[in-house]
Amino acid sequence: MRAGLLRHEIELEREVETVADSGAVVKAWQHYADRRAELRQSTADEFLNGTVEGASQKAVFVIRWTEGVKVGDRLLHAGKAWQIVGLVEIGVQRGLELMVIGS
């Protein structure tokens, strides 16, 4: 992983549930990390051989290793939210490929 390719700033968020005073369950996205990333318009074996249809809605972000990233989290990049649908570890805790779909 080359630092010069990590040109994009992203924010990682996780959905959390809280209970309001009224007793209603409220879902919200909670920020948990800021990272620099390389943006690839797909790959990761062309999104696990899903033959990139609607490529503008699928992408792969490559980041340095970050503990706790999970499928179901989302990332924000350039004002757009992307749902994390897959993770691939690069090396032994060197980095992560985040396979995402635009939401």
N, C-alpha and C. Protein backbone atom coordinates (compact mmCIF):
# COMPACT_ATOMS: atom_id res chain seq x y z
N MET A 1 0.84 -1.17 0.00
CA MET A 1 0.00 0.00 0.00
C MET A 1 0.89 1.23 0.00
N ARG A 2 0.68 2.09 -1.00
CA ARG A 2 1.50 3.29 -1.12
C ARG A 2 0.75 4.49 -0.58
N ALA A 3 1.40 5.24 0.29
CA ALA A 3 0.76 6.38 0.94
C ALA A 3 0.28 7.42 -0.07
N GLY A 4 1.00 7.57 -1.18
CA GLY A 4 0.62 8.57 -2.17
C GLY A 4 -0.72 8.29 -2.83
N LEU A 5 -1.17 7.06 -2.79
CA LEU A 5 -2.46 6.72 -3.39
C LEU A 5 -3.63 6.98 -2.44
N LEU A 6 -3.34 7.20 -1.16
CA LEU A 6 -4.39 7.44 -0.17
C LEU A 6 -4.78 8.92 -0.20
N ARG A 7 -5.42 9.32 -1.30
CA ARG A 7 -5.72 10.74 -1.54
C ARG A 7 -7.10 11.18 -1.08
N HIS A 8 -7.96 10.25 -0.77
CA HIS A 8 -9.34 10.59 -0.46
C HIS A 8 -9.59 10.53 1.04
N GLU A 9 -10.29 11.52 1.56
CA GLU A 9 -10.64 11.53 2.98
C GLU A 9 -12.02 10.90 3.14
N ILE A 10 -12.11 9.94 4.08
CA ILE A 10 -13.39 9.29 4.34
C ILE A 10 -13.67 9.30 5.84
N GLU A 11 -14.93 9.16 6.18
CA GLU A 11 -15.35 9.01 7.56
C GLU A 11 -16.07 7.67 7.68
N LEU A 12 -15.80 6.94 8.73
CA LEU A 12 -16.47 5.67 8.98
C LEU A 12 -17.53 5.88 10.05
N GLU A 13 -18.72 5.30 9.82
CA GLU A 13 -19.83 5.45 10.75
C GLU A 13 -20.49 4.10 11.00
N ARG A 14 -21.12 3.97 12.16
CA ARG A 14 -21.85 2.76 12.53
C ARG A 14 -23.24 3.17 13.00
N GLU A 15 -24.24 2.40 12.62
CA GLU A 15 -25.60 2.69 13.04
C GLU A 15 -25.79 2.27 14.50
N VAL A 16 -26.34 3.18 15.30
CA VAL A 16 -26.60 2.91 16.71
C VAL A 16 -28.07 3.19 17.00
N GLU A 17 -28.58 2.50 18.00
CA GLU A 17 -29.96 2.70 18.43
C GLU A 17 -29.95 3.30 19.83
N THR A 18 -30.79 4.30 20.03
CA THR A 18 -30.97 4.88 21.36
C THR A 18 -32.46 4.93 21.65
N VAL A 19 -32.79 5.02 22.92
CA VAL A 19 -34.18 5.10 23.33
C VAL A 19 -34.46 6.53 23.77
N ALA A 20 -35.43 7.16 23.10
CA ALA A 20 -35.82 8.53 23.44
C ALA A 20 -36.62 8.53 24.73
N ASP A 21 -36.82 9.72 25.31
CA ASP A 21 -37.60 9.85 26.54
C ASP A 21 -39.01 9.30 26.37
N SER A 22 -39.53 9.37 25.16
CA SER A 22 -40.88 8.88 24.90
C SER A 22 -40.93 7.35 24.83
N GLY A 23 -39.77 6.70 24.80
CA GLY A 23 -39.70 5.26 24.71
C GLY A 23 -39.48 4.75 23.30
N ALA A 24 -39.52 5.66 22.33
CA ALA A 24 -39.30 5.27 20.93
C ALA A 24 -37.83 4.98 20.69
N VAL A 25 -37.58 3.99 19.86
CA VAL A 25 -36.21 3.65 19.48
C VAL A 25 -35.81 4.53 18.30
N VAL A 26 -34.68 5.22 18.43
CA VAL A 26 -34.20 6.13 17.40
C VAL A 26 -32.88 5.58 16.85
N LYS A 27 -32.81 5.42 15.53
CA LYS A 27 -31.57 4.96 14.90
C LYS A 27 -30.84 6.16 14.33
N ALA A 28 -29.51 6.17 14.50
CA ALA A 28 -28.68 7.25 13.99
C ALA A 28 -27.31 6.69 13.64
N TRP A 29 -26.57 7.42 12.80
CA TRP A 29 -25.22 7.01 12.43
C TRP A 29 -24.23 7.74 13.33
N GLN A 30 -23.32 6.96 13.93
CA GLN A 30 -22.31 7.52 14.83
C GLN A 30 -20.93 7.40 14.21
N HIS A 31 -20.24 8.51 14.12
CA HIS A 31 -18.89 8.58 13.57
C HIS A 31 -17.92 7.84 14.50
N TYR A 32 -17.01 7.02 13.91
CA TYR A 32 -16.00 6.39 14.77
C TYR A 32 -14.58 6.47 14.23
N ALA A 33 -14.38 6.92 13.00
CA ALA A 33 -13.00 7.05 12.52
C ALA A 33 -12.93 7.92 11.26
N ASP A 34 -11.82 8.62 11.13
CA ASP A 34 -11.47 9.35 9.90
C ASP A 34 -10.26 8.65 9.32
N ARG A 35 -10.27 8.43 8.02
CA ARG A 35 -9.15 7.75 7.36
C ARG A 35 -8.88 8.38 6.01
N ARG A 36 -7.69 8.10 5.50
CA ARG A 36 -7.34 8.43 4.12
C ARG A 36 -7.46 7.14 3.34
N ALA A 37 -7.94 7.24 2.09
CA ALA A 37 -8.22 6.03 1.33
C ALA A 37 -7.85 6.20 -0.13
N GLU A 38 -7.61 5.06 -0.76
CA GLU A 38 -7.48 4.99 -2.22
C GLU A 38 -8.85 4.56 -2.74
N LEU A 39 -9.34 5.26 -3.75
CA LEU A 39 -10.63 4.92 -4.34
C LEU A 39 -10.41 4.18 -5.64
N ARG A 40 -10.99 2.99 -5.72
CA ARG A 40 -10.95 2.21 -6.96
C ARG A 40 -12.39 2.04 -7.42
N GLN A 41 -12.64 2.28 -8.66
CA GLN A 41 -13.99 2.07 -9.19
C GLN A 41 -14.16 0.58 -9.46
N SER A 42 -14.39 -0.17 -8.43
CA SER A 42 -14.56 -1.62 -8.35
C SER A 42 -13.23 -2.33 -8.22
N THR A 43 -13.04 -3.48 -8.75
CA THR A 43 -12.00 -4.50 -8.58
C THR A 43 -12.45 -5.44 -7.48
N ALA A 44 -11.53 -5.76 -6.52
CA ALA A 44 -11.78 -6.86 -5.59
C ALA A 44 -12.48 -7.97 -6.36
N ASP A 45 -11.74 -8.39 -7.42
CA ASP A 45 -12.24 -9.37 -8.40
C ASP A 45 -13.59 -8.94 -8.95
N GLU A 46 -13.60 -7.66 -9.41
CA GLU A 46 -14.79 -7.03 -9.98
C GLU A 46 -16.01 -7.34 -9.13
N PHE A 47 -15.81 -7.00 -7.86
CA PHE A 47 -16.85 -7.12 -6.83
C PHE A 47 -17.33 -8.54 -6.75
N LEU A 48 -16.35 -9.41 -6.58
CA LEU A 48 -16.57 -10.85 -6.43
C LEU A 48 -17.38 -11.39 -7.60
N ASN A 49 -16.89 -11.05 -8.80
CA ASN A 49 -17.42 -11.52 -10.08
C ASN A 49 -18.88 -11.14 -10.31
N GLY A 50 -19.31 -10.04 -9.73
CA GLY A 50 -20.66 -9.55 -9.97
C GLY A 50 -20.72 -8.74 -11.24
N THR A 51 -19.70 -8.82 -12.08
CA THR A 51 -19.58 -8.05 -13.30
C THR A 51 -20.23 -6.70 -13.17
N VAL A 52 -19.43 -5.76 -12.89
CA VAL A 52 -19.76 -4.40 -12.52
C VAL A 52 -20.86 -3.77 -13.38
N GLU A 53 -22.10 -4.02 -13.03
CA GLU A 53 -23.22 -3.33 -13.66
C GLU A 53 -23.53 -2.14 -12.77
N GLY A 54 -23.82 -1.02 -13.37
CA GLY A 54 -24.07 0.18 -12.56
C GLY A 54 -22.83 0.57 -11.80
N ALA A 55 -21.70 0.61 -12.49
CA ALA A 55 -20.40 0.82 -11.84
C ALA A 55 -20.35 2.11 -11.04
N SER A 56 -21.19 3.10 -11.38
CA SER A 56 -21.15 4.35 -10.65
C SER A 56 -21.66 4.17 -9.22
N GLN A 57 -22.34 3.05 -8.94
CA GLN A 57 -22.87 2.81 -7.61
C GLN A 57 -22.03 1.81 -6.81
N LYS A 58 -20.98 1.26 -7.40
CA LYS A 58 -20.12 0.32 -6.69
C LYS A 58 -18.69 0.85 -6.72
N ALA A 59 -17.98 0.64 -5.62
CA ALA A 59 -16.59 1.07 -5.56
C ALA A 59 -15.86 0.25 -4.50
N VAL A 60 -14.54 0.36 -4.51
CA VAL A 60 -13.70 -0.26 -3.49
C VAL A 60 -12.79 0.84 -2.94
N PHE A 61 -12.82 1.00 -1.63
CA PHE A 61 -11.92 1.93 -0.95
C PHE A 61 -10.87 1.10 -0.23
N VAL A 62 -9.61 1.49 -0.36
CA VAL A 62 -8.51 0.81 0.32
C VAL A 62 -7.99 1.73 1.41
N ILE A 63 -7.97 1.22 2.65
CA ILE A 63 -7.50 2.01 3.79
C ILE A 63 -6.46 1.23 4.57
N ARG A 64 -5.73 1.92 5.41
CA ARG A 64 -4.83 1.24 6.34
C ARG A 64 -5.68 0.48 7.36
N TRP A 65 -5.09 -0.53 7.98
CA TRP A 65 -5.82 -1.37 8.93
C TRP A 65 -6.52 -0.51 9.98
N THR A 66 -7.77 -0.78 10.19
CA THR A 66 -8.57 -0.11 11.22
C THR A 66 -9.36 -1.17 11.96
N GLU A 67 -9.13 -1.29 13.24
CA GLU A 67 -9.81 -2.28 14.07
C GLU A 67 -11.30 -1.97 14.15
N GLY A 68 -12.12 -3.01 14.04
CA GLY A 68 -13.54 -2.86 14.31
C GLY A 68 -14.43 -2.52 13.13
N VAL A 69 -13.89 -2.37 11.93
CA VAL A 69 -14.73 -2.08 10.77
C VAL A 69 -15.55 -3.33 10.46
N LYS A 70 -16.86 -3.15 10.21
CA LYS A 70 -17.75 -4.28 9.99
C LYS A 70 -18.61 -4.07 8.75
N VAL A 71 -19.04 -5.18 8.17
CA VAL A 71 -20.05 -5.11 7.12
C VAL A 71 -21.31 -4.52 7.76
N GLY A 72 -21.94 -3.60 7.07
CA GLY A 72 -23.11 -2.93 7.63
C GLY A 72 -22.80 -1.52 8.08
N ASP A 73 -21.51 -1.23 8.34
CA ASP A 73 -21.11 0.14 8.62
C ASP A 73 -21.23 0.93 7.32
N ARG A 74 -21.00 2.22 7.38
CA ARG A 74 -20.98 3.00 6.15
C ARG A 74 -19.81 3.96 6.19
N LEU A 75 -19.48 4.46 5.01
CA LEU A 75 -18.45 5.49 4.94
C LEU A 75 -19.00 6.68 4.18
N LEU A 76 -18.48 7.84 4.52
CA LEU A 76 -18.85 9.07 3.84
C LEU A 76 -17.65 9.55 3.05
N HIS A 77 -17.89 9.88 1.78
CA HIS A 77 -16.83 10.39 0.92
C HIS A 77 -17.43 11.44 0.00
N ALA A 78 -16.87 12.62 0.02
CA ALA A 78 -17.29 13.72 -0.86
C ALA A 78 -18.80 13.95 -0.78
N GLY A 79 -19.33 13.89 0.42
CA GLY A 79 -20.75 14.17 0.62
C GLY A 79 -21.69 13.02 0.30
N LYS A 80 -21.16 11.87 -0.08
CA LYS A 80 -22.00 10.72 -0.43
C LYS A 80 -21.80 9.60 0.58
N ALA A 81 -22.90 8.93 0.94
CA ALA A 81 -22.84 7.80 1.85
C ALA A 81 -22.71 6.51 1.04
N TRP A 82 -21.81 5.64 1.50
CA TRP A 82 -21.58 4.34 0.87
C TRP A 82 -21.76 3.26 1.92
N GLN A 83 -22.56 2.25 1.63
CA GLN A 83 -22.80 1.12 2.54
C GLN A 83 -21.70 0.08 2.35
N ILE A 84 -21.05 -0.35 3.42
CA ILE A 84 -20.01 -1.37 3.35
C ILE A 84 -20.68 -2.74 3.26
N VAL A 85 -20.44 -3.44 2.14
CA VAL A 85 -21.06 -4.74 1.92
C VAL A 85 -20.05 -5.88 1.91
N GLY A 86 -18.75 -5.54 1.98
CA GLY A 86 -17.73 -6.57 2.01
C GLY A 86 -16.40 -6.01 2.48
N LEU A 87 -15.59 -6.88 3.09
CA LEU A 87 -14.27 -6.51 3.59
C LEU A 87 -13.26 -7.55 3.16
N VAL A 88 -12.07 -7.09 2.77
CA VAL A 88 -10.97 -8.00 2.47
C VAL A 88 -9.75 -7.46 3.20
N GLU A 89 -9.15 -8.31 4.05
CA GLU A 89 -7.95 -7.90 4.76
C GLU A 89 -6.76 -7.98 3.82
N ILE A 90 -5.91 -6.97 3.86
CA ILE A 90 -4.69 -6.94 3.05
C ILE A 90 -3.53 -7.29 3.97
N GLY A 91 -2.85 -8.37 3.66
CA GLY A 91 -1.74 -8.81 4.52
C GLY A 91 -2.26 -9.16 5.90
N VAL A 92 -1.38 -9.09 6.86
CA VAL A 92 -1.76 -9.34 8.25
C VAL A 92 -1.92 -7.99 8.93
N GLN A 93 -3.14 -7.52 8.98
CA GLN A 93 -3.49 -6.23 9.57
C GLN A 93 -2.69 -5.07 8.99
N ARG A 94 -2.48 -5.11 7.66
CA ARG A 94 -1.81 -3.98 6.99
C ARG A 94 -2.81 -3.02 6.41
N GLY A 95 -3.91 -3.55 5.90
CA GLY A 95 -4.90 -2.70 5.29
C GLY A 95 -6.21 -3.44 5.08
N LEU A 96 -7.22 -2.71 4.57
CA LEU A 96 -8.53 -3.26 4.29
C LEU A 96 -9.01 -2.77 2.94
N GLU A 97 -9.64 -3.64 2.19
CA GLU A 97 -10.39 -3.24 1.01
C GLU A 97 -11.85 -3.23 1.44
N LEU A 98 -12.49 -2.09 1.30
CA LEU A 98 -13.88 -1.95 1.67
C LEU A 98 -14.71 -1.93 0.39
N MET A 99 -15.51 -2.96 0.18
CA MET A 99 -16.39 -3.02 -0.98
C MET A 99 -17.68 -2.34 -0.59
N VAL A 100 -18.07 -1.33 -1.36
CA VAL A 100 -19.20 -0.48 -0.98
C VAL A 100 -20.19 -0.30 -2.13
N ILE A 101 -21.41 0.02 -1.74
CA ILE A 101 -22.46 0.35 -2.70
C ILE A 101 -23.01 1.71 -2.29
N GLY A 102 -23.16 2.60 -3.26
CA GLY A 102 -23.69 3.93 -3.00
C GLY A 102 -25.12 3.85 -2.50
N SER A 103 -25.42 4.67 -1.47
CA SER A 103 -26.79 4.65 -0.95
C SER A 103 -27.50 5.96 -1.16
